[in-house]
PDB file of N, CA and C in Angstrom:
ATOM      1  N   ASP A   1       3.575  25.416  -5.450  1.00  0.00           N
ATOM      2  CA  ASP A   1       4.837  26.115  -5.653  1.00  0.00           C
ATOM      3  C   ASP A   1       5.496  24.710  -6.225  1.00  0.00           C
ATOM      4  N   LEU A   2       5.107  23.743  -6.661  1.00  0.00           N
ATOM      5  CA  LEU A   2       5.797  22.712  -7.073  1.00  0.00           C
ATOM      6  C   LEU A   2       6.602  22.431  -6.113  1.00  0.00           C
ATOM      7  N   ALA A   3       6.628  22.775  -4.647  1.00  0.00           N
ATOM      8  CA  ALA A   3       7.744  22.244  -3.589  1.00  0.00           C
ATOM      9  C   ALA A   3       8.923  22.614  -3.816  1.00  0.00           C
ATOM     10  N   ARG A   4       9.110  23.868  -4.820  1.00  0.00           N
ATOM     11  CA  ARG A   4      10.167  24.335  -4.729  1.00  0.00           C
ATOM     12  C   ARG A   4      11.085  24.708  -3.833  1.00  0.00           C
ATOM     13  N   SER A   5      10.216  25.098  -2.745  1.00  0.00           N
ATOM     14  CA  SER A   5      10.921  25.278  -1.036  1.00  0.00           C
ATOM     15  C   SER A   5      11.303  24.034  -0.385  1.00  0.00           C
ATOM     16  N   TRP A   6      10.938  23.228  -1.155  1.00  0.00           N
ATOM     17  CA  TRP A   6      10.939  21.997  -0.263  1.00  0.00           C
ATOM     18  C   TRP A   6      12.327  21.511   0.012  1.00  0.00           C
ATOM     19  N   HIS A   7      12.989  20.960   1.314  1.00  0.00           N
ATOM     20  CA  HIS A   7      13.733  20.472   1.809  1.00  0.00           C
ATOM     21  C   HIS A   7      13.928  18.983   1.700  1.00  0.00           C
ATOM     22  N   PRO A   8      14.325  18.302   0.491  1.00  0.00           N
ATOM     23  CA  PRO A   8      14.397  16.502   0.938  1.00  0.00           C
ATOM     24  C   PRO A   8      15.068  16.497   2.270  1.00  0.00           C
ATOM     25  N   GLY A   9      14.502  15.051   2.941  1.00  0.00           N
ATOM     26  CA  GLY A   9      14.347  14.817   4.108  1.00  0.00           C
ATOM     27  C   GLY A   9      13.328  15.076   5.495  1.00  0.00           C
ATOM     28  N   LEU A  10      12.689  16.250   4.937  1.00  0.00           N
ATOM     29  CA  LEU A  10      11.732  16.400   5.777  1.00  0.00           C
ATOM     30  C   LEU A  10      10.664  15.893   5.742  1.00  0.00           C
ATOM     31  N   GLU A  11      10.406  14.673   5.013  1.00  0.00           N
ATOM     32  CA  GLU A  11       9.162  13.924   5.137  1.00  0.00           C
ATOM     33  C   GLU A  11       8.770  13.240   6.258  1.00  0.00           C
ATOM     34  N   THR A  12       8.881  13.968   7.548  1.00  0.00           N
ATOM     35  CA  THR A  12       8.174  13.303   8.492  1.00  0.00           C
ATOM     36  C   THR A  12       7.022  13.875   8.997  1.00  0.00           C
ATOM     37  N   PHE A  13       6.023  13.415   8.120  1.00  0.00           N
ATOM     38  CA  PHE A  13       4.503  13.573   8.390  1.00  0.00           C
ATOM     39  C   PHE A  13       3.783  12.561   8.488  1.00  0.00           C
ATOM     40  N   GLU A  14       2.943  12.875   9.327  1.00  0.00           N
ATOM     41  CA  GLU A  14       1.733  11.502   9.357  1.00  0.00           C
ATOM     42  C   GLU A  14       0.816  11.622   8.364  1.00  0.00           C
ATOM     43  N   LEU A  15       0.463  12.545   7.863  1.00  0.00           N
ATOM     44  CA  LEU A  15      -0.487  12.387   6.571  1.00  0.00           C
ATOM     45  C   LEU A  15       0.238  13.816   5.703  1.00  0.00           C
ATOM     46  N   THR A  16       0.202  13.099   4.028  1.00  0.00           N
ATOM     47  CA  THR A  16       0.377  13.774   3.018  1.00  0.00           C
ATOM     48  C   THR A  16      -0.574  14.260   2.155  1.00  0.00           C
ATOM     49  N   VAL A  17      -0.930  15.468   1.693  1.00  0.00           N
ATOM     50  CA  VAL A  17      -1.799  15.569   0.644  1.00  0.00           C
ATOM     51  C   VAL A  17      -1.531  16.147  -0.350  1.00  0.00           C
ATOM     52  N   THR A  18      -1.855  15.932  -1.407  1.00  0.00           N
ATOM     53  CA  THR A  18      -1.575  16.707  -2.945  1.00  0.00           C
ATOM     54  C   THR A  18      -3.065  16.672  -3.575  1.00  0.00           C
ATOM     55  N   ASP A  19      -2.791  17.693  -4.775  1.00  0.00           N
ATOM     56  CA  ASP A  19      -4.065  18.078  -5.321  1.00  0.00           C
ATOM     57  C   ASP A  19      -4.643  17.117  -6.259  1.00  0.00           C
ATOM     58  N   ASP A  20      -3.881  16.173  -6.693  1.00  0.00           N
ATOM     59  CA  ASP A  20      -4.123  14.975  -7.604  1.00  0.00           C
ATOM     60  C   ASP A  20      -3.021  14.381  -7.644  1.00  0.00           C
ATOM     61  N   HIS A  21      -3.210  13.187  -7.586  1.00  0.00           N
ATOM     62  CA  HIS A  21      -2.176  11.700  -7.358  1.00  0.00           C
ATOM     63  C   HIS A  21      -1.710  11.598  -8.842  1.00  0.00           C
ATOM     64  N   ASP A  22      -2.288  11.801  -9.853  1.00  0.00           N
ATOM     65  CA  ASP A  22      -1.560  11.374 -11.276  1.00  0.00           C
ATOM     66  C   ASP A  22      -0.913  12.574 -11.658  1.00  0.00           C
ATOM     67  N   GLN A  23      -1.393  13.695 -11.376  1.00  0.00           N
ATOM     68  CA  GLN A  23      -0.972  15.021 -11.995  1.00  0.00           C
ATOM     69  C   GLN A  23       0.946  14.977 -10.603  1.00  0.00           C
ATOM     70  N   ALA A  24       0.867  14.923  -9.453  1.00  0.00           N
ATOM     71  CA  ALA A  24       1.712  14.842  -8.886  1.00  0.00           C
ATOM     72  C   ALA A  24       2.956  14.095  -9.086  1.00  0.00           C
ATOM     73  N   LYS A  25       2.480  12.421  -9.598  1.00  0.00           N
ATOM     74  CA  LYS A  25       3.399  11.757  -9.848  1.00  0.00           C
ATOM     75  C   LYS A  25       4.075  12.249 -11.415  1.00  0.00           C
ATOM     76  N   HIS A  26       3.041  12.651 -12.408  1.00  0.00           N
ATOM     77  CA  HIS A  26       3.574  13.131 -13.251  1.00  0.00           C
ATOM     78  C   HIS A  26       4.912  14.263 -13.069  1.00  0.00           C
ATOM     79  N   GLU A  27       4.125  15.256 -12.577  1.00  0.00           N
ATOM     80  CA  GLU A  27       5.719  16.224 -12.118  1.00  0.00           C
ATOM     81  C   GLU A  27       6.626  15.837 -11.375  1.00  0.00           C
ATOM     82  N   VAL A  28       6.535  14.505 -10.511  1.00  0.00           N
ATOM     83  CA  VAL A  28       7.838  13.949 -10.408  1.00  0.00           C
ATOM     84  C   VAL A  28       8.721  13.428 -11.198  1.00  0.00           C
ATOM     85  N   GLU A  29       7.801  12.809 -11.993  1.00  0.00           N
ATOM     86  CA  GLU A  29       8.656  11.845 -13.240  1.00  0.00           C
ATOM     87  C   GLU A  29       9.411  13.004 -14.000  1.00  0.00           C
ATOM     88  N   ILE A  30       9.275  14.186 -14.055  1.00  0.00           N
ATOM     89  CA  ILE A  30       9.940  14.814 -15.003  1.00  0.00           C
ATOM     90  C   ILE A  30      10.322  16.193 -14.660  1.00  0.00           C
ATOM     91  N   GLY A  31      10.648  15.989 -13.281  1.00  0.00           N
ATOM     92  CA  GLY A  31      11.395  16.487 -12.442  1.00  0.00           C
ATOM     93  C   GLY A  31      11.059  18.034 -11.807  1.00  0.00           C
ATOM     94  N   ARG A  32       9.761  18.033 -12.003  1.00  0.00           N
ATOM     95  CA  ARG A  32       9.495  19.434 -11.671  1.00  0.00           C
ATOM     96  C   ARG A  32       8.958  19.741 -10.073  1.00  0.00           C
ATOM     97  N   PHE A  33       8.695  18.487  -9.750  1.00  0.00           N
ATOM     98  CA  PHE A  33       7.956  18.620  -8.379  1.00  0.00           C
ATOM     99  C   PHE A  33       9.144  17.850  -7.363  1.00  0.00           C
ATOM    100  N   LYS A  34       9.609  18.684  -6.602  1.00  0.00           N
ATOM    101  CA  LYS A  34      10.764  18.021  -5.438  1.00  0.00           C
ATOM    102  C   LYS A  34      10.319  17.167  -4.264  1.00  0.00           C
ATOM    103  N   MET A  35       9.120  17.189  -3.842  1.00  0.00           N
ATOM    104  CA  MET A  35       8.421  16.119  -3.186  1.00  0.00           C
ATOM    105  C   MET A  35       7.645  14.883  -3.904  1.00  0.00           C
ATOM    106  N   ALA A  36       8.431  13.879  -3.750  1.00  0.00           N
ATOM    107  CA  ALA A  36       8.156  12.615  -4.129  1.00  0.00           C
ATOM    108  C   ALA A  36       6.889  11.770  -3.830  1.00  0.00           C
ATOM    109  N   GLY A  37       6.399  12.374  -2.734  1.00  0.00           N
ATOM    110  CA  GLY A  37       5.617  11.760  -1.778  1.00  0.00           C
ATOM    111  C   GLY A  37       6.233  10.403  -0.999  1.00  0.00           C
ATOM    112  N   PRO A  38       5.336   9.416  -0.844  1.00  0.00           N
ATOM    113  CA  PRO A  38       3.896   9.680  -1.053  1.00  0.00           C
ATOM    114  C   PRO A  38       3.275   9.851  -0.630  1.00  0.00           C
ATOM    115  N   PHE A  39       2.105   9.943  -1.157  1.00  0.00           N
ATOM    116  CA  PHE A  39       0.572  11.097  -0.816  1.00  0.00           C
ATOM    117  C   PHE A  39      -0.191  10.230  -0.522  1.00  0.00           C
ATOM    118  N   ASP A  40      -0.661  10.409   0.937  1.00  0.00           N
ATOM    119  CA  ASP A  40      -1.848   9.368   1.552  1.00  0.00           C
ATOM    120  C   ASP A  40      -2.962   9.737   0.730  1.00  0.00           C
ATOM    121  N   VAL A  41      -3.443  10.957   0.058  1.00  0.00           N
ATOM    122  CA  VAL A  41      -4.933  11.333   0.185  1.00  0.00           C
ATOM    123  C   VAL A  41      -4.650  12.503  -0.942  1.00  0.00           C
ATOM    124  N   ASP A  42      -5.387  12.625  -1.936  1.00  0.00           N
ATOM    125  CA  ASP A  42      -5.460  13.746  -2.906  1.00  0.00           C
ATOM    126  C   ASP A  42      -6.631  14.854  -1.921  1.00  0.00           C
ATOM    127  N   MET A  43      -6.709  16.018  -3.048  1.00  0.00           N
ATOM    128  CA  MET A  43      -7.944  16.945  -2.536  1.00  0.00           C
ATOM    129  C   MET A  43      -9.455  16.297  -3.064  1.00  0.00           C
ATOM    130  N   ARG A  44      -9.651  15.621  -4.320  1.00  0.00           N
ATOM    131  CA  ARG A  44     -10.522  15.222  -4.979  1.00  0.00           C
ATOM    132  C   ARG A  44     -11.202  13.953  -4.014  1.00  0.00           C
ATOM    133  N   GLU A  45     -10.358  13.456  -3.304  1.00  0.00           N
ATOM    134  CA  GLU A  45     -10.597  11.940  -2.463  1.00  0.00           C
ATOM    135  C   GLU A  45     -11.210  12.616  -1.240  1.00  0.00           C
ATOM    136  N   LEU A  46     -10.647  13.663  -0.413  1.00  0.00           N
ATOM    137  CA  LEU A  46     -11.248  14.105   0.685  1.00  0.00           C
ATOM    138  C   LEU A  46     -12.490  15.044   0.229  1.00  0.00           C
ATOM    139  N   ILE A  47     -12.523  15.736  -0.790  1.00  0.00           N
ATOM    140  CA  ILE A  47     -13.802  16.430  -0.811  1.00  0.00           C
ATOM    141  C   ILE A  47     -14.687  15.484  -1.037  1.00  0.00           C
ATOM    142  N   SER A  48     -14.577  14.568  -1.830  1.00  0.00           N
ATOM    143  CA  SER A  48     -15.979  13.501  -2.315  1.00  0.00           C
ATOM    144  C   SER A  48     -16.034  12.756  -1.184  1.00  0.00           C
ATOM    145  N   GLY A  49     -15.126  12.515  -0.178  1.00  0.00           N
ATOM    146  CA  GLY A  49     -15.522  11.517   0.964  1.00  0.00           C
ATOM    147  C   GLY A  49     -14.891  10.126   0.591  1.00  0.00           C
ATOM    148  N   ALA A  50     -14.465  10.005  -0.803  1.00  0.00           N
ATOM    149  CA  ALA A  50     -13.853   8.706  -1.240  1.00  0.00           C
ATOM    150  C   ALA A  50     -12.977   8.256  -0.339  1.00  0.00           C
ATOM    151  N   LYS A  51     -12.016   9.098   0.179  1.00  0.00           N
ATOM    152  CA  LYS A  51     -11.173   8.735   1.499  1.00  0.00           C
ATOM    153  C   LYS A  51     -11.390   9.489   2.515  1.00  0.00           C
ATOM    154  N   THR A  52     -11.343   9.017   3.685  1.00  0.00           N
ATOM    155  CA  THR A  52     -11.259   9.887   4.718  1.00  0.00           C
ATOM    156  C   THR A  52      -9.861   9.831   5.630  1.00  0.00           C
ATOM    157  N   VAL A  53      -9.715  10.398   6.491  1.00  0.00           N
ATOM    158  CA  VAL A  53      -8.310  10.846   7.056  1.00  0.00           C
ATOM    159  C   VAL A  53      -8.881  10.982   8.804  1.00  0.00           C
ATOM    160  N   ASP A  54      -8.242  10.375   9.903  1.00  0.00           N
ATOM    161  CA  ASP A  54      -8.669  10.915  11.271  1.00  0.00           C
ATOM    162  C   ASP A  54      -7.412  11.071  11.857  1.00  0.00           C
ATOM    163  N   PRO A  55      -6.564  11.989  11.611  1.00  0.00           N
ATOM    164  CA  PRO A  55      -5.264  12.357  11.941  1.00  0.00           C
ATOM    165  C   PRO A  55      -5.547  12.654  13.863  1.00  0.00           C
ATOM    166  N   LYS A  56      -4.664  12.413  14.282  1.00  0.00           N
ATOM    167  CA  LYS A  56      -4.440  12.775  15.973  1.00  0.00           C
ATOM    168  C   LYS A  56      -4.188  14.125  15.953  1.00  0.00           C
ATOM    169  N   PRO A  57      -4.644  14.848  17.037  1.00  0.00           N
ATOM    170  CA  PRO A  57      -4.276  16.119  17.200  1.00  0.00           C
ATOM    171  C   PRO A  57      -2.581  16.910  17.167  1.00  0.00           C
ATOM    172  N   GLU A  58      -1.764  15.943  17.602  1.00  0.00           N
ATOM    173  CA  GLU A  58      -0.628  15.862  17.229  1.00  0.00           C
ATOM    174  C   GLU A  58       0.257  15.350  16.080  1.00  0.00           C
ATOM    175  N   ASP A  59      -0.701  14.732  15.009  1.00  0.00           N
ATOM    176  CA  ASP A  59      -0.075  14.716  13.810  1.00  0.00           C
ATOM    177  C   ASP A  59       0.625  15.701  12.803  1.00  0.00           C
ATOM    178  N   ARG A  60       1.462  15.584  12.305  1.00  0.00           N
ATOM    179  CA  ARG A  60       1.949  16.649  11.405  1.00  0.00           C
ATOM    180  C   ARG A  60       1.652  16.262   9.747  1.00  0.00           C
ATOM    181  N   ARG A  61       1.477  17.219   9.454  1.00  0.00           N
ATOM    182  CA  ARG A  61       0.743  17.196   8.175  1.00  0.00           C
ATOM    183  C   ARG A  61       0.887  18.220   7.213  1.00  0.00           C
ATOM    184  N   VAL A  62       0.918  17.876   6.269  1.00  0.00           N
ATOM    185  CA  VAL A  62       1.203  18.656   4.807  1.00  0.00           C
ATOM    186  C   VAL A  62       0.519  18.654   3.764  1.00  0.00           C
ATOM    187  N   ILE A  63       0.162  19.784   3.014  1.00  0.00           N
ATOM    188  CA  ILE A  63      -0.451  19.451   1.633  1.00  0.00           C
ATOM    189  C   ILE A  63       0.566  20.421   0.336  1.00  0.00           C
ATOM    190  N   CYS A  64       0.856  19.475  -0.195  1.00  0.00           N
ATOM    191  CA  CYS A  64       1.676  19.962  -1.102  1.00  0.00           C
ATOM    192  C   CYS A  64       1.289  19.481  -2.652  1.00  0.00           C
ATOM    193  N   HIS A  65       1.361  20.667  -2.985  1.00  0.00           N
ATOM    194  CA  HIS A  65       0.603  20.330  -4.492  1.00  0.00           C
ATOM    195  C   HIS A  65       1.321  21.539  -5.469  1.00  0.00           C
ATOM    196  N   SER A  66       0.674  20.997  -6.767  1.00  0.00           N
ATOM    197  CA  SER A  66       1.372  21.563  -8.227  1.00  0.00           C
ATOM    198  C   SER A  66       0.412  22.443  -9.001  1.00  0.00           C
ATOM    199  N   GLY A  67      -0.659  22.578  -8.099  1.00  0.00           N
ATOM    200  CA  GLY A  67      -1.738  23.342  -8.681  1.00  0.00           C
ATOM    201  C   GLY A  67      -1.715  24.760  -8.768  1.00  0.00           C
ATOM    202  N   HIS A  68      -2.606  25.544  -8.822  1.00  0.00           N
ATOM    203  CA  HIS A  68      -2.435  27.183  -9.112  1.00  0.00           C
ATOM    204  C   HIS A  68      -2.522  27.576  -7.578  1.00  0.00           C
ATOM    205  N   ALA A  69      -1.984  28.835  -7.405  1.00  0.00           N
ATOM    206  CA  ALA A  69      -1.653  29.281  -6.009  1.00  0.00           C
ATOM    207  C   ALA A  69      -3.096  29.782  -5.533  1.00  0.00           C
ATOM    208  N   ILE A  70      -3.958  30.262  -6.243  1.00  0.00           N
ATOM    209  CA  ILE A  70      -5.364  30.626  -5.657  1.00  0.00           C
ATOM    210  C   ILE A  70      -6.004  29.284  -4.921  1.00  0.00           C
ATOM    211  N   GLY A  71      -5.745  28.283  -5.259  1.00  0.00           N
ATOM    212  CA  GLY A  71      -6.513  27.146  -4.713  1.00  0.00           C
ATOM    213  C   GLY A  71      -5.825  26.490  -3.282  1.00  0.00           C
ATOM    214  N   ILE A  72      -4.448  26.761  -3.233  1.00  0.00           N
ATOM    215  CA  ILE A  72      -4.045  26.781  -2.065  1.00  0.00           C
ATOM    216  C   ILE A  72      -4.286  28.296  -0.938  1.00  0.00           C
ATOM    217  N   LEU A  73      -4.535  29.025  -1.313  1.00  0.00           N
ATOM    218  CA  LEU A  73      -4.647  30.249  -0.876  1.00  0.00           C
ATOM    219  C   LEU A  73      -6.319  30.211  -0.134  1.00  0.00           C
ATOM    220  N   ALA A  74      -7.226  29.692  -1.147  1.00  0.00           N
ATOM    221  CA  ALA A  74      -8.622  29.450  -0.685  1.00  0.00           C
ATOM    222  C   ALA A  74      -8.295  28.386   0.537  1.00  0.00           C
ATOM    223  N   LEU A  75      -7.654  27.192   0.325  1.00  0.00           N
ATOM    224  CA  LEU A  75      -7.764  26.024   1.113  1.00  0.00           C
ATOM    225  C   LEU A  75      -7.142  26.647   2.584  1.00  0.00           C
ATOM    226  N   ALA A  76      -5.623  27.424   2.539  1.00  0.00           N
ATOM    227  CA  ALA A  76      -5.276  27.801   3.743  1.00  0.00           C
ATOM    228  C   ALA A  76      -6.253  29.027   4.348  1.00  0.00           C
ATOM    229  N   LYS A  77      -6.915  29.811   3.738  1.00  0.00           N
ATOM    230  CA  LYS A  77      -8.128  30.489   4.476  1.00  0.00           C
ATOM    231  C   LYS A  77      -9.239  29.494   5.146  1.00  0.00           C
ATOM    232  N   LEU A  78      -9.531  28.582   4.583  1.00  0.00           N
ATOM    233  CA  LEU A  78     -10.504  27.567   5.029  1.00  0.00           C
ATOM    234  C   LEU A  78     -10.104  27.075   6.192  1.00  0.00           C
ATOM    235  N   VAL A  79      -8.390  26.569   6.433  1.00  0.00           N
ATOM    236  CA  VAL A  79      -7.998  25.898   7.534  1.00  0.00           C
ATOM    237  C   VAL A  79      -7.835  26.634   8.742  1.00  0.00           C
ATOM    238  N   TYR A  80      -7.545  28.200   8.417  1.00  0.00           N
ATOM    239  CA  TYR A  80      -7.256  29.106   9.316  1.00  0.00           C
ATOM    240  C   TYR A  80      -8.793  29.438  10.105  1.00  0.00           C
ATOM    241  N   GLU A  81      -9.601  29.581   8.966  1.00  0.00           N
ATOM    242  CA  GLU A  81     -10.831  29.856   9.961  1.00  0.00           C
ATOM    243  C   GLU A  81     -11.469  28.735  10.807  1.00  0.00           C
ATOM    244  N   THR A  82     -11.309  27.450  10.279  1.00  0.00           N
ATOM    245  CA  THR A  82     -11.834  26.507  10.911  1.00  0.00           C
ATOM    246  C   THR A  82     -10.991  26.005  12.407  1.00  0.00           C
ATOM    247  N   ALA A  83      -9.715  26.561  12.245  1.00  0.00           N
ATOM    248  CA  ALA A  83      -9.055  26.202  13.600  1.00  0.00           C
ATOM    249  C   ALA A  83      -9.391  27.398  14.690  1.00  0.00           C
ATOM    250  N   GLN A  84      -9.378  28.597  13.889  1.00  0.00           N
ATOM    251  CA  GLN A  84      -9.835  29.754  14.959  1.00  0.00           C
ATOM    252  C   GLN A  84     -11.315  29.380  15.675  1.00  0.00           C
ATOM    253  N   GLU A  85     -12.262  29.189  14.760  1.00  0.00           N
ATOM    254  CA  GLU A  85     -13.456  28.875  15.367  1.00  0.00           C
ATOM    255  C   GLU A  85     -13.597  27.720  16.136  1.00  0.00           C
ATOM    256  N   LYS A  86     -12.606  26.271  15.957  1.00  0.00           N
ATOM    257  CA  LYS A  86     -12.388  25.516  17.100  1.00  0.00           C
ATOM    258  C   LYS A  86     -11.398  25.908  18.016  1.00  0.00           C
ATOM    259  N   GLY A  87     -10.587  26.804  18.190  1.00  0.00           N
ATOM    260  CA  GLY A  87      -9.846  26.829  19.265  1.00  0.00           C
ATOM    261  C   GLY A  87      -8.491  26.180  19.039  1.00  0.00           C
ATOM    262  N   ILE A  88      -8.084  25.613  18.230  1.00  0.00           N
ATOM    263  CA  ILE A  88      -7.156  25.041  18.104  1.00  0.00           C
ATOM    264  C   ILE A  88      -5.816  25.449  17.200  1.00  0.00           C
ATOM    265  N   GLY A  89      -4.831  25.014  16.913  1.00  0.00           N
ATOM    266  CA  GLY A  89      -3.658  25.322  16.073  1.00  0.00           C
ATOM    267  C   GLY A  89      -2.698  25.730  17.231  1.00  0.00           C
ATOM    268  N   THR A  90      -1.546  26.210  16.633  1.00  0.00           N
ATOM    269  CA  THR A  90      -0.454  26.712  17.420  1.00  0.00           C
ATOM    270  C   THR A  90      -0.083  28.304  16.600  1.00  0.00           C
ATOM    271  N   HIS A  91      -0.225  29.486  17.599  1.00  0.00           N
ATOM    272  CA  HIS A  91       0.069  30.808  16.972  1.00  0.00           C
ATOM    273  C   HIS A  91       1.511  30.983  16.807  1.00  0.00           C
ATOM    274  N   LEU A  92       2.241  31.661  15.635  1.00  0.00           N
ATOM    275  CA  LEU A  92       3.163  31.744  15.361  1.00  0.00           C
ATOM    276  C   LEU A  92       3.791  32.999  15.295  1.00  0.00           C
ATOM    277  N   PRO A  93       4.537  33.509  16.288  1.00  0.00           N
ATOM    278  CA  PRO A  93       4.783  34.906  16.109  1.00  0.00           C
ATOM    279  C   PRO A  93       5.475  35.618  14.673  1.00  0.00           C
ATOM    280  N   ALA A  94       5.012  36.728  14.378  1.00  0.00           N
ATOM    281  CA  ALA A  94       5.082  37.385  13.158  1.00  0.00           C
ATOM    282  C   ALA A  94       6.751  37.300  12.145  1.00  0.00           C
ATOM    283  N   ASN A  95       7.903  37.418  13.428  1.00  0.00           N
ATOM    284  CA  ASN A  95       9.011  36.685  12.985  1.00  0.00           C
ATOM    285  C   ASN A  95       9.484  35.648  12.956  1.00  0.00           C
ATOM    286  N   TRP A  96       8.778  34.556  13.003  1.00  0.00           N
ATOM    287  CA  TRP A  96       8.839  33.035  13.190  1.00  0.00           C
ATOM    288  C   TRP A  96       9.680  32.717  11.543  1.00  0.00           C
ATOM    289  N   ARG A  97      10.652  31.833  11.993  1.00  0.00           N
ATOM    290  CA  ARG A  97      11.350  31.482  10.724  1.00  0.00           C
ATOM    291  C   ARG A  97      11.645  29.751  10.992  1.00  0.00           C
TER     292      ARG A  97
END
């Protein structure tokens, strides 16, 4: 969503991920991407194994990207299913905001 809903000042994450470093940098430079980073890793680096991350369970993580919504939906499904299988995560009630 190009971080359109992003509120500056909330950059308190131990791990920030984007879909592509160069694309994110370009989108920030032209003013389309609200979250300026820095980004620790991008999806290509994670998938290829070029970079690995080892967050602690209590670490806050964010994936902020400018790609297509279908990509983030697929990723969200994978994250959700993995969390269910491992019995981890925090359940938020339907009326949470």
